[in-house]
Amino acid sequence: MANALYPKWKEAIIQGSANSDLDGSTDTGVWVALYDVGAGGAYDSADVFYSSISAGVVGTPVEIGATKSYTGGVFDGANVTFSAVTGDPCEALVIYRKTAGANTEWRLVAYLDTGVTGLPVTPNGGDITVTWNASGIFAL
């Protein structure tokens, strides 16, 4: 599977739906998870919320913090580090919009499995740093 923006997120943007924007922080921020396709299944364009992919999440997701930018239709942010990761091999990253509610409300944004330095990776208990592409995380 090549990188993809989740179609239901794109629909939510067009319709101005709740929890589709990519601003906010902490409980209402943009987060990224390491993802094991073997445990969670392949990318599915019908997936809408984090609860659909949670079985494949490895380690603890991290926030794409306050340094997010939205220039010229390109979403970008600071590199992220997953700390002390153990578990199954990770073949992808999943970006999602978190809310203060249950993970059945955390809207999936992007699935990234190509062009990400270091993927796939087999966790060994150490940190895993994700360095985003110099041209940004994704563009609309």
Protein backbone atom coordinates (compact mmCIF):
# COMPACT_ATOMS: atom_id res chain seq x y z
CA MET A 1 0.00 0.00 0.00
CA ALA A 2 1.27 3.47 -0.80
CA ASN A 3 0.75 6.41 1.52
CA ALA A 4 -2.89 7.51 1.71
CA LEU A 5 -5.14 10.04 3.33
CA TYR A 6 -8.21 8.35 4.76
CA PRO A 7 -11.20 9.11 2.49
CA LYS A 8 -13.58 9.58 5.43
CA TRP A 9 -11.27 12.27 6.85
CA LYS A 10 -11.26 14.07 3.50
CA GLU A 11 -15.08 13.91 3.46
CA ALA A 12 -15.12 15.32 7.00
CA ILE A 13 -12.95 18.26 5.95
CA ILE A 14 -15.18 19.04 2.99
CA GLN A 15 -18.28 18.90 5.19
CA GLY A 16 -16.70 20.85 8.07
CA SER A 17 -17.37 17.95 10.45
CA ALA A 18 -16.30 17.97 14.07
CA ASN A 19 -12.83 16.66 14.85
CA SER A 20 -11.51 16.97 11.31
CA ASP A 21 -9.16 19.94 11.79
CA LEU A 22 -5.46 19.41 12.49
CA ASP A 23 -4.85 22.04 15.12
CA GLY A 24 -5.16 21.75 18.87
CA SER A 25 -2.86 20.01 21.30
CA THR A 26 -2.74 17.22 23.86
CA ASP A 27 -6.23 15.74 24.21
CA THR A 28 -7.40 17.47 21.04
CA GLY A 29 -4.18 17.28 19.02
CA VAL A 30 -2.73 15.39 16.11
CA TRP A 31 -1.06 12.12 17.07
CA VAL A 32 0.89 9.40 15.30
CA ALA A 33 1.09 5.68 16.07
CA LEU A 34 3.48 2.96 14.99
CA TYR A 35 1.43 0.32 13.22
CA ASP A 36 1.87 -3.44 12.74
CA VAL A 37 -0.02 -4.58 9.65
CA GLY A 38 0.19 -8.22 10.78
CA ALA A 39 -1.73 -7.51 13.98
CA GLY A 40 -4.07 -4.76 12.79
CA GLY A 41 -4.66 -5.60 9.17
CA ALA A 42 -3.79 -3.81 5.95
CA TYR A 43 -4.86 -0.27 5.16
CA ASP A 44 -8.62 -0.07 4.70
CA SER A 45 -10.09 3.02 3.05
CA ALA A 46 -13.34 2.41 4.93
CA ASP A 47 -11.70 2.88 8.36
CA VAL A 48 -12.79 6.08 10.08
CA PHE A 49 -11.70 6.03 13.73
CA TYR A 50 -8.70 4.92 15.80
CA SER A 51 -10.70 2.07 17.30
CA SER A 52 -10.58 0.45 13.82
CA ILE A 53 -6.77 0.21 13.87
CA SER A 54 -5.99 -0.03 17.60
CA ALA A 55 -5.18 -3.76 17.45
CA GLY A 56 -2.17 -2.98 15.28
CA VAL A 57 -0.73 -0.10 17.34
CA VAL A 58 2.72 -0.83 18.76
CA GLY A 59 4.11 1.14 21.70
CA THR A 60 2.64 4.42 22.86
CA PRO A 61 1.50 6.94 20.23
CA VAL A 62 3.04 10.42 20.36
CA GLU A 63 1.68 13.84 19.58
CA ILE A 64 2.82 15.82 16.57
CA GLY A 65 3.31 18.82 18.82
CA ALA A 66 2.90 22.54 18.80
CA THR A 67 5.27 23.02 15.86
CA LYS A 68 2.66 21.89 13.32
CA SER A 69 2.45 23.99 10.16
CA TYR A 70 -0.02 24.27 7.28
CA THR A 71 1.80 26.17 4.53
CA GLY A 72 0.64 25.97 0.91
CA GLY A 73 -1.60 23.00 1.61
CA VAL A 74 1.23 21.01 3.18
CA PHE A 75 0.87 19.62 6.69
CA ASP A 76 4.16 19.37 8.57
CA GLY A 77 5.44 19.06 12.11
CA ALA A 78 8.47 18.38 14.22
CA ASN A 79 10.08 14.95 14.10
CA VAL A 80 8.74 12.59 16.77
CA THR A 81 10.34 9.99 19.02
CA PHE A 82 8.58 6.90 20.34
CA SER A 83 10.22 5.96 23.66
CA ALA A 84 11.31 2.49 24.76
CA VAL A 85 9.32 0.64 22.11
CA THR A 86 8.78 -3.10 22.39
CA GLY A 87 6.47 -5.38 20.46
CA ASP A 88 5.86 -6.55 16.93
CA PRO A 89 7.50 -5.17 13.77
CA CYS A 90 6.02 -1.91 12.48
CA GLU A 91 5.46 -1.36 8.79
CA ALA A 92 3.51 1.90 8.86
CA LEU A 93 2.54 5.04 10.73
CA VAL A 94 -1.05 6.15 11.30
CA ILE A 95 -1.81 9.81 11.94
CA TYR A 96 -5.06 10.63 13.69
CA ARG A 97 -6.92 13.53 15.28
CA LYS A 98 -7.45 12.82 18.97
CA THR A 99 -10.36 14.18 21.00
CA ALA A 100 -11.10 14.24 24.71
CA GLY A 101 -13.61 11.44 24.07
CA ALA A 102 -13.24 7.71 23.46
CA ASN A 103 -11.01 6.34 20.69
CA THR A 104 -14.18 5.63 18.71
CA GLU A 105 -14.17 9.41 18.04
CA TRP A 106 -10.48 9.84 17.12
CA ARG A 107 -10.60 10.45 13.37
CA LEU A 108 -7.98 8.70 11.19
CA VAL A 109 -6.10 11.13 8.94
CA ALA A 110 -3.20 9.44 7.13
CA TYR A 111 -1.59 6.06 6.61
CA LEU A 112 2.13 6.24 5.79
CA ASP A 113 4.16 3.21 4.81
CA THR A 114 6.46 4.48 2.06
CA GLY A 115 9.06 7.22 2.05
CA VAL A 116 9.49 7.02 5.82
CA THR A 117 13.12 6.50 6.79
CA GLY A 118 13.53 3.50 9.06
CA LEU A 119 10.34 1.63 8.19
CA PRO A 120 9.79 -1.19 8.57
CA VAL A 121 11.34 -1.42 12.03
CA THR A 122 11.49 -4.16 14.63
CA PRO A 123 11.31 -2.63 18.13
CA ASN A 124 14.09 -3.66 20.51
CA GLY A 125 13.19 -1.70 23.62
CA GLY A 126 14.95 1.45 22.44
CA ASP A 127 13.62 4.72 21.09
CA ILE A 128 12.34 5.01 17.52
CA THR A 129 12.65 8.44 15.91
CA VAL A 130 10.58 9.39 12.89
CA THR A 131 12.11 12.03 10.66
CA TRP A 132 9.48 13.51 8.40
CA ASN A 133 10.21 14.19 4.75
CA ALA A 134 11.77 17.62 4.19
CA SER A 135 8.85 18.54 1.93
CA GLY A 136 6.32 17.89 4.72
CA ILE A 137 4.27 15.04 6.13
CA PHE A 138 1.56 15.21 3.45
CA ALA A 139 -0.04 17.67 1.06
CA LEU A 140 -3.64 18.33 0.10
